[in-house]
Amino acid sequence: MYVSAINITLSFAGALVFHEMGHFLAARACQVPVTQAGFGWGPKLFGFRFNGVDYQLHLLPLGAYIRMDMSGLQRRPLFQQLFVLLAGIAVNLILGAIAWGTFFGTLNLVLALGNLFPLYQQDGWKTGMVIFRRVFRRPSPLVEWSFTLSAGLIGLILIMSALFSC
């Protein structure tokens, strides 16, 4: 598989935008207000407002995001909360299957799997928090901190085992 710099850039940007579009469309379908959609980090280069959503393009093409009314999301039924939080991953899995064997397909699968890990502010972490709060019927700081730190601990164990297995 030949991968050029243009292919890498466009595949990365496309995978991120489609991922966030999944969240955006799911939030709209569940009537959760979306306030902002952006691509990139750093200083804002360009922006406009349409249908109550601020769209922004930033200088560094590293990342994309959707800001939604989180309190509105939390008032939705559990199924709808999970649908919105996992929609980006689902889009990446579908695109990965459609583009199987290509760099774009591989990138989408990696992005989907990476977002499932319970890393702080990733989709897997947010989903875990929603589930824990439903199970315990309230926020539980001990459980939430344990869940948040678990990914870091697992990552550290994997790195240590890779380094010292030689």
C-alpha atoms as a PDB file:
ATOM      1  CA  MET A   1       0.000   0.000   0.000  1.00  0.00           C
ATOM      2  CA  TYR A   2       1.619   3.243  -1.191  1.00  0.00           C
ATOM      3  CA  VAL A   3       0.918   6.122   1.177  1.00  0.00           C
ATOM      4  CA  SER A   4       1.772   9.671   0.144  1.00  0.00           C
ATOM      5  CA  ALA A   5       1.751  12.770   2.326  1.00  0.00           C
ATOM      6  CA  ILE A   6      -1.402  13.969   0.558  1.00  0.00           C
ATOM      7  CA  ASN A   7      -3.106  10.611   1.177  1.00  0.00           C
ATOM      8  CA  ILE A   8      -2.145  10.728   4.857  1.00  0.00           C
ATOM      9  CA  THR A   9      -3.381  14.301   5.289  1.00  0.00           C
ATOM     10  CA  LEU A  10      -6.671  13.838   3.448  1.00  0.00           C
ATOM     11  CA  SER A  11      -7.363  10.452   5.054  1.00  0.00           C
ATOM     12  CA  PHE A  12      -6.693  11.808   8.530  1.00  0.00           C
ATOM     13  CA  ALA A  13      -8.838  14.901   7.959  1.00  0.00           C
ATOM     14  CA  GLY A  14     -11.632  12.859   6.393  1.00  0.00           C
ATOM     15  CA  ALA A  15     -11.666  10.262   9.160  1.00  0.00           C
ATOM     16  CA  LEU A  16     -11.845  12.978  11.828  1.00  0.00           C
ATOM     17  CA  VAL A  17     -14.574  14.963  10.075  1.00  0.00           C
ATOM     18  CA  PHE A  18     -16.701  11.870   9.415  1.00  0.00           C
ATOM     19  CA  HIS A  19     -16.243  10.758  13.039  1.00  0.00           C
ATOM     20  CA  GLU A  20     -17.498  14.093  14.330  1.00  0.00           C
ATOM     21  CA  MET A  21     -20.310  14.145  11.755  1.00  0.00           C
ATOM     22  CA  GLY A  22     -21.503  10.895  13.313  1.00  0.00           C
ATOM     23  CA  HIS A  23     -21.783  12.592  16.712  1.00  0.00           C
ATOM     24  CA  PHE A  24     -23.361  15.681  15.118  1.00  0.00           C
ATOM     25  CA  LEU A  25     -26.066  13.767  13.248  1.00  0.00           C
ATOM     26  CA  ALA A  26     -26.808  11.506  16.214  1.00  0.00           C
ATOM     27  CA  ALA A  27     -27.148  14.521  18.523  1.00  0.00           C
ATOM     28  CA  ARG A  28     -29.512  16.194  16.069  1.00  0.00           C
ATOM     29  CA  ALA A  29     -31.535  12.968  15.726  1.00  0.00           C
ATOM     30  CA  CYS A  30     -31.893  12.821  19.533  1.00  0.00           C
ATOM     31  CA  GLN A  31     -32.719  16.545  19.739  1.00  0.00           C
ATOM     32  CA  VAL A  32     -29.558  17.409  21.656  1.00  0.00           C
ATOM     33  CA  PRO A  33     -28.475  20.960  20.731  1.00  0.00           C
ATOM     34  CA  VAL A  34     -25.077  21.248  19.002  1.00  0.00           C
ATOM     35  CA  THR A  35     -23.419  24.616  19.649  1.00  0.00           C
ATOM     36  CA  GLN A  36     -20.084  24.317  17.848  1.00  0.00           C
ATOM     37  CA  ALA A  37     -18.319  22.192  15.236  1.00  0.00           C
ATOM     38  CA  GLY A  38     -14.663  22.661  14.495  1.00  0.00           C
ATOM     39  CA  PHE A  39     -11.716  21.244  12.655  1.00  0.00           C
ATOM     40  CA  GLY A  40      -8.153  21.693  13.869  1.00  0.00           C
ATOM     41  CA  TRP A  41      -6.436  23.278  16.852  1.00  0.00           C
ATOM     42  CA  GLY A  42      -4.810  26.611  17.517  1.00  0.00           C
ATOM     43  CA  PRO A  43      -5.860  30.033  16.288  1.00  0.00           C
ATOM     44  CA  LYS A  44      -9.143  30.246  14.420  1.00  0.00           C
ATOM     45  CA  LEU A  45      -8.645  30.930  10.708  1.00  0.00           C
ATOM     46  CA  PHE A  46     -12.246  31.075   9.628  1.00  0.00           C
ATOM     47  CA  GLY A  47     -15.694  30.673  11.108  1.00  0.00           C
ATOM     48  CA  PHE A  48     -19.365  31.189  10.441  1.00  0.00           C
ATOM     49  CA  ARG A  49     -22.695  30.557  12.141  1.00  0.00           C
ATOM     50  CA  PHE A  50     -25.446  28.495  10.506  1.00  0.00           C
ATOM     51  CA  ASN A  51     -28.652  27.132  12.071  1.00  0.00           C
ATOM     52  CA  GLY A  52     -27.424  28.002  15.566  1.00  0.00           C
ATOM     53  CA  VAL A  53     -24.083  26.191  15.195  1.00  0.00           C
ATOM     54  CA  ASP A  54     -20.694  27.958  15.120  1.00  0.00           C
ATOM     55  CA  TYR A  55     -18.479  26.266  12.520  1.00  0.00           C
ATOM     56  CA  GLN A  56     -14.739  26.910  12.876  1.00  0.00           C
ATOM     57  CA  LEU A  57     -11.554  26.082  10.998  1.00  0.00           C
ATOM     58  CA  HIS A  58      -8.309  26.287  12.995  1.00  0.00           C
ATOM     59  CA  LEU A  59      -4.666  26.589  11.926  1.00  0.00           C
ATOM     60  CA  LEU A  60      -3.355  23.117  12.805  1.00  0.00           C
ATOM     61  CA  PRO A  61      -5.246  20.229  11.140  1.00  0.00           C
ATOM     62  CA  LEU A  62      -4.926  18.010  14.204  1.00  0.00           C
ATOM     63  CA  GLY A  63      -8.314  17.029  15.489  1.00  0.00           C
ATOM     64  CA  ALA A  64     -11.948  17.860  15.147  1.00  0.00           C
ATOM     65  CA  TYR A  65     -14.689  18.401  17.687  1.00  0.00           C
ATOM     66  CA  ILE A  66     -18.388  18.857  18.271  1.00  0.00           C
ATOM     67  CA  ARG A  67     -19.643  20.811  21.266  1.00  0.00           C
ATOM     68  CA  MET A  68     -23.127  19.970  22.361  1.00  0.00           C
ATOM     69  CA  ASP A  69     -25.372  20.773  25.291  1.00  0.00           C
ATOM     70  CA  MET A  70     -24.087  18.131  27.713  1.00  0.00           C
ATOM     71  CA  SER A  71     -26.820  18.779  30.262  1.00  0.00           C
ATOM     72  CA  GLY A  72     -29.329  18.267  27.448  1.00  0.00           C
ATOM     73  CA  LEU A  73     -27.608  15.008  26.532  1.00  0.00           C
ATOM     74  CA  GLN A  74     -27.659  13.850  30.154  1.00  0.00           C
ATOM     75  CA  ARG A  75     -31.443  14.346  30.280  1.00  0.00           C
ATOM     76  CA  ARG A  76     -31.960  11.979  27.345  1.00  0.00           C
ATOM     77  CA  PRO A  77     -32.650   8.241  27.899  1.00  0.00           C
ATOM     78  CA  LEU A  78     -29.581   6.048  28.352  1.00  0.00           C
ATOM     79  CA  PHE A  79     -29.920   4.525  24.875  1.00  0.00           C
ATOM     80  CA  GLN A  80     -29.889   7.960  23.246  1.00  0.00           C
ATOM     81  CA  GLN A  81     -26.874   9.061  25.292  1.00  0.00           C
ATOM     82  CA  LEU A  82     -24.938   5.975  24.212  1.00  0.00           C
ATOM     83  CA  PHE A  83     -26.116   6.416  20.611  1.00  0.00           C
ATOM     84  CA  VAL A  84     -24.732   9.975  20.493  1.00  0.00           C
ATOM     85  CA  LEU A  85     -21.474   9.097  22.271  1.00  0.00           C
ATOM     86  CA  LEU A  86     -20.755   6.013  20.145  1.00  0.00           C
ATOM     87  CA  ALA A  87     -21.956   7.377  16.776  1.00  0.00           C
ATOM     88  CA  GLY A  88     -18.488   8.603  15.764  1.00  0.00           C
ATOM     89  CA  ILE A  89     -16.968   5.191  16.440  1.00  0.00           C
ATOM     90  CA  ALA A  90     -19.749   3.516  14.462  1.00  0.00           C
ATOM     91  CA  VAL A  91     -19.090   5.804  11.470  1.00  0.00           C
ATOM     92  CA  ASN A  92     -15.356   4.989  11.594  1.00  0.00           C
ATOM     93  CA  LEU A  93     -16.070   1.240  11.776  1.00  0.00           C
ATOM     94  CA  ILE A  94     -18.411   1.464   8.780  1.00  0.00           C
ATOM     95  CA  LEU A  95     -15.898   3.510   6.773  1.00  0.00           C
ATOM     96  CA  GLY A  96     -13.111   1.114   7.783  1.00  0.00           C
ATOM     97  CA  ALA A  97     -15.143  -1.829   6.465  1.00  0.00           C
ATOM     98  CA  ILE A  98     -16.086  -0.039   3.237  1.00  0.00           C
ATOM     99  CA  ALA A  99     -12.496   1.062   2.571  1.00  0.00           C
ATOM    100  CA  TRP A 100     -10.936  -2.215   3.768  1.00  0.00           C
ATOM    101  CA  GLY A 101      -7.362  -2.691   2.576  1.00  0.00           C
ATOM    102  CA  THR A 102      -6.665   1.005   2.047  1.00  0.00           C
ATOM    103  CA  PHE A 103      -4.851   3.489   4.238  1.00  0.00           C
ATOM    104  CA  PHE A 104      -8.144   5.350   4.792  1.00  0.00           C
ATOM    105  CA  GLY A 105      -9.810   2.117   5.912  1.00  0.00           C
ATOM    106  CA  THR A 106      -6.998   1.259   8.297  1.00  0.00           C
ATOM    107  CA  LEU A 107      -6.952   4.773   9.730  1.00  0.00           C
ATOM    108  CA  ASN A 108     -10.693   4.643  10.384  1.00  0.00           C
ATOM    109  CA  LEU A 109     -10.373   1.302  12.188  1.00  0.00           C
ATOM    110  CA  VAL A 110      -7.496   2.619  14.315  1.00  0.00           C
ATOM    111  CA  LEU A 111      -9.461   5.771  15.144  1.00  0.00           C
ATOM    112  CA  ALA A 112     -12.521   3.711  16.124  1.00  0.00           C
ATOM    113  CA  LEU A 113     -10.531   1.328  18.332  1.00  0.00           C
ATOM    114  CA  GLY A 114      -8.529   4.163  19.898  1.00  0.00           C
ATOM    115  CA  ASN A 115     -11.723   5.989  20.817  1.00  0.00           C
ATOM    116  CA  LEU A 116     -13.060   2.911  22.617  1.00  0.00           C
ATOM    117  CA  PHE A 117     -10.286   3.033  25.212  1.00  0.00           C
ATOM    118  CA  PRO A 118     -11.280   4.755  28.456  1.00  0.00           C
ATOM    119  CA  LEU A 119      -8.817   7.599  27.968  1.00  0.00           C
ATOM    120  CA  TYR A 120      -9.926  10.890  29.476  1.00  0.00           C
ATOM    121  CA  GLN A 121     -12.382  12.718  27.186  1.00  0.00           C
ATOM    122  CA  GLN A 122     -12.384   9.971  24.546  1.00  0.00           C
ATOM    123  CA  ASP A 123     -15.682   8.376  23.548  1.00  0.00           C
ATOM    124  CA  GLY A 124     -14.987   5.193  25.521  1.00  0.00           C
ATOM    125  CA  TRP A 125     -14.346   7.198  28.684  1.00  0.00           C
ATOM    126  CA  LYS A 126     -17.493   9.295  28.244  1.00  0.00           C
ATOM    127  CA  THR A 127     -19.555   6.162  27.603  1.00  0.00           C
ATOM    128  CA  GLY A 128     -18.143   4.519  30.714  1.00  0.00           C
ATOM    129  CA  MET A 129     -19.001   7.573  32.809  1.00  0.00           C
ATOM    130  CA  VAL A 130     -22.591   7.549  31.547  1.00  0.00           C
ATOM    131  CA  ILE A 131     -22.943   3.853  32.342  1.00  0.00           C
ATOM    132  CA  PHE A 132     -21.361   4.145  35.815  1.00  0.00           C
ATOM    133  CA  ARG A 133     -23.570   7.091  36.732  1.00  0.00           C
ATOM    134  CA  ARG A 134     -26.634   5.136  35.648  1.00  0.00           C
ATOM    135  CA  VAL A 135     -25.589   1.989  37.540  1.00  0.00           C
ATOM    136  CA  PHE A 136     -24.819   3.895  40.759  1.00  0.00           C
ATOM    137  CA  ARG A 137     -27.699   6.356  40.193  1.00  0.00           C
ATOM    138  CA  ARG A 138     -25.324   9.238  40.951  1.00  0.00           C
ATOM    139  CA  PRO A 139     -21.736  10.329  40.335  1.00  0.00           C
ATOM    140  CA  SER A 140     -19.274   8.180  42.289  1.00  0.00           C
ATOM    141  CA  PRO A 141     -15.894   9.940  42.508  1.00  0.00           C
ATOM    142  CA  LEU A 142     -14.017   6.799  43.574  1.00  0.00           C
ATOM    143  CA  VAL A 143     -15.375   4.732  40.681  1.00  0.00           C
ATOM    144  CA  GLU A 144     -14.955   7.559  38.173  1.00  0.00           C
ATOM    145  CA  TRP A 145     -11.356   8.294  39.163  1.00  0.00           C
ATOM    146  CA  SER A 146     -10.538   4.588  39.162  1.00  0.00           C
ATOM    147  CA  PHE A 147     -12.018   4.251  35.674  1.00  0.00           C
ATOM    148  CA  THR A 148     -10.182   7.352  34.461  1.00  0.00           C
ATOM    149  CA  LEU A 149      -6.812   6.182  35.804  1.00  0.00           C
ATOM    150  CA  SER A 150      -7.296   2.583  34.610  1.00  0.00           C
ATOM    151  CA  ALA A 151      -6.434   3.411  30.988  1.00  0.00           C
ATOM    152  CA  GLY A 152      -3.200   5.085  32.020  1.00  0.00           C
ATOM    153  CA  LEU A 153      -2.273   2.117  34.197  1.00  0.00           C
ATOM    154  CA  ILE A 154      -3.082  -0.376  31.438  1.00  0.00           C
ATOM    155  CA  GLY A 155      -1.055   1.686  28.957  1.00  0.00           C
ATOM    156  CA  LEU A 156       1.894   1.808  31.361  1.00  0.00           C
ATOM    157  CA  ILE A 157       1.740  -1.963  31.895  1.00  0.00           C
ATOM    158  CA  LEU A 158       1.667  -2.577  28.130  1.00  0.00           C
ATOM    159  CA  ILE A 159       4.635  -0.276  27.532  1.00  0.00           C
ATOM    160  CA  MET A 160       6.619  -1.833  30.376  1.00  0.00           C
ATOM    161  CA  SER A 161       5.893  -5.361  29.149  1.00  0.00           C
ATOM    162  CA  ALA A 162       6.951  -4.403  25.610  1.00  0.00           C
ATOM    163  CA  LEU A 163      10.166  -2.791  26.850  1.00  0.00           C
ATOM    164  CA  PHE A 164      11.183  -5.587  29.185  1.00  0.00           C
ATOM    165  CA  SER A 165      10.103  -8.597  27.118  1.00  0.00           C
ATOM    166  CA  CYS A 166      13.215  -8.417  24.945  1.00  0.00           C
END
